[in-house]
Amino acid sequence: MNGLNEKSANTDLYAHIQRAPMSERDREVALNAVRNAESIVDGSLWVINGIKGLIATIFEKPVGLKHNH
């Protein structure tokens, strides 16, 4: 995730990592862990939204087959 996305998502979390008393190596490990977690969440949401769209398409009634009673 680039710096712009880091600012818009979880700014507080990134700020806490920057202020925490730790070595630069540990800071990089922590930042990479957060980025990896965000990527997993983004991918999971993408899959969930894809499945929702697929289900909506499958169960959508075609216009020509509606019954008029």
C-alpha atoms as a PDB file:
ATOM      1  CA  MET A   1       0.000   0.000   0.000  1.00  0.00           C
ATOM      2  CA  ASN A   2       1.468   3.363  -0.881  1.00  0.00           C
ATOM      3  CA  GLY A   3       1.836   6.334   1.473  1.00  0.00           C
ATOM      4  CA  LEU A   4      -1.350   8.002   0.242  1.00  0.00           C
ATOM      5  CA  ASN A   5      -3.455   4.936   1.033  1.00  0.00           C
ATOM      6  CA  GLU A   6      -1.792   4.590   4.421  1.00  0.00           C
ATOM      7  CA  LYS A   7      -2.929   8.102   5.308  1.00  0.00           C
ATOM      8  CA  SER A   8      -6.499   7.510   4.232  1.00  0.00           C
ATOM      9  CA  ALA A   9      -6.837   4.090   5.893  1.00  0.00           C
ATOM     10  CA  ASN A  10      -6.020   3.525   9.546  1.00  0.00           C
ATOM     11  CA  THR A  11      -4.157   6.794  10.045  1.00  0.00           C
ATOM     12  CA  ASP A  12      -4.228   6.329  13.808  1.00  0.00           C
ATOM     13  CA  LEU A  13      -2.695   2.872  13.564  1.00  0.00           C
ATOM     14  CA  TYR A  14       0.150   4.082  11.382  1.00  0.00           C
ATOM     15  CA  ALA A  15       0.699   7.062  13.699  1.00  0.00           C
ATOM     16  CA  HIS A  16       0.896   4.753  16.719  1.00  0.00           C
ATOM     17  CA  ILE A  17       3.467   2.594  14.977  1.00  0.00           C
ATOM     18  CA  GLN A  18       5.521   5.659  14.078  1.00  0.00           C
ATOM     19  CA  ARG A  19       5.466   6.934  17.683  1.00  0.00           C
ATOM     20  CA  ALA A  20       6.045   3.586  19.400  1.00  0.00           C
ATOM     21  CA  PRO A  21       9.455   3.132  20.995  1.00  0.00           C
ATOM     22  CA  MET A  22      10.989   0.449  18.769  1.00  0.00           C
ATOM     23  CA  SER A  23      13.890  -0.060  16.420  1.00  0.00           C
ATOM     24  CA  GLU A  24      13.534   0.920  12.786  1.00  0.00           C
ATOM     25  CA  ARG A  25      13.661  -2.770  11.850  1.00  0.00           C
ATOM     26  CA  ASP A  26      10.779  -3.565  14.221  1.00  0.00           C
ATOM     27  CA  ARG A  27       8.865  -0.564  12.876  1.00  0.00           C
ATOM     28  CA  GLU A  28       9.241  -1.862   9.321  1.00  0.00           C
ATOM     29  CA  VAL A  29       8.090  -5.326  10.411  1.00  0.00           C
ATOM     30  CA  ALA A  30       5.029  -3.798  12.106  1.00  0.00           C
ATOM     31  CA  LEU A  31       4.192  -1.642   9.079  1.00  0.00           C
ATOM     32  CA  ASN A  32       4.550  -4.625   6.753  1.00  0.00           C
ATOM     33  CA  ALA A  33       2.240  -6.670   8.984  1.00  0.00           C
ATOM     34  CA  VAL A  34      -0.412  -3.938   8.828  1.00  0.00           C
ATOM     35  CA  ARG A  35      -0.048  -3.674   5.051  1.00  0.00           C
ATOM     36  CA  ASN A  36      -0.359  -7.445   4.701  1.00  0.00           C
ATOM     37  CA  ALA A  37      -3.464  -7.469   6.895  1.00  0.00           C
ATOM     38  CA  GLU A  38      -5.022  -4.674   4.826  1.00  0.00           C
ATOM     39  CA  SER A  39      -4.303  -6.611   1.640  1.00  0.00           C
ATOM     40  CA  ILE A  40      -5.977  -9.719   3.053  1.00  0.00           C
ATOM     41  CA  VAL A  41      -9.035  -7.710   4.098  1.00  0.00           C
ATOM     42  CA  ASP A  42      -9.216  -5.957   0.713  1.00  0.00           C
ATOM     43  CA  GLY A  43      -8.973  -9.289  -1.096  1.00  0.00           C
ATOM     44  CA  SER A  44     -11.600 -10.864   1.146  1.00  0.00           C
ATOM     45  CA  LEU A  45     -13.999  -7.983   0.552  1.00  0.00           C
ATOM     46  CA  TRP A  46     -13.412  -8.249  -3.198  1.00  0.00           C
ATOM     47  CA  VAL A  47     -14.305 -11.959  -3.116  1.00  0.00           C
ATOM     48  CA  ILE A  48     -17.365 -11.358  -0.919  1.00  0.00           C
ATOM     49  CA  ASN A  49     -18.656  -8.623  -3.227  1.00  0.00           C
ATOM     50  CA  GLY A  50     -18.055 -10.854  -6.245  1.00  0.00           C
ATOM     51  CA  ILE A  51     -20.040 -13.673  -4.659  1.00  0.00           C
ATOM     52  CA  LYS A  52     -22.857 -11.253  -3.760  1.00  0.00           C
ATOM     53  CA  GLY A  53     -23.007 -10.069  -7.358  1.00  0.00           C
ATOM     54  CA  LEU A  54     -23.007 -13.630  -8.666  1.00  0.00           C
ATOM     55  CA  ILE A  55     -25.807 -14.665  -6.311  1.00  0.00           C
ATOM     56  CA  ALA A  56     -27.848 -11.603  -7.239  1.00  0.00           C
ATOM     57  CA  THR A  57     -27.432 -12.452 -10.916  1.00  0.00           C
ATOM     58  CA  ILE A  58     -28.355 -16.111 -10.442  1.00  0.00           C
ATOM     59  CA  PHE A  59     -31.524 -15.406  -8.445  1.00  0.00           C
ATOM     60  CA  GLU A  60     -32.673 -12.425 -10.498  1.00  0.00           C
ATOM     61  CA  LYS A  61     -35.907 -13.221 -12.329  1.00  0.00           C
ATOM     62  CA  PRO A  62     -35.733 -12.614 -16.060  1.00  0.00           C
ATOM     63  CA  VAL A  63     -38.194  -9.898 -17.090  1.00  0.00           C
ATOM     64  CA  GLY A  64     -39.971 -12.028 -19.682  1.00  0.00           C
ATOM     65  CA  LEU A  65     -40.739 -14.878 -17.258  1.00  0.00           C
ATOM     66  CA  LYS A  66     -42.636 -12.952 -14.581  1.00  0.00           C
ATOM     67  CA  HIS A  67     -46.184 -14.163 -13.948  1.00  0.00           C
ATOM     68  CA  ASN A  68     -48.961 -11.609 -14.036  1.00  0.00           C
ATOM     69  CA  HIS A  69     -51.878 -12.596 -11.802  1.00  0.00           C
END
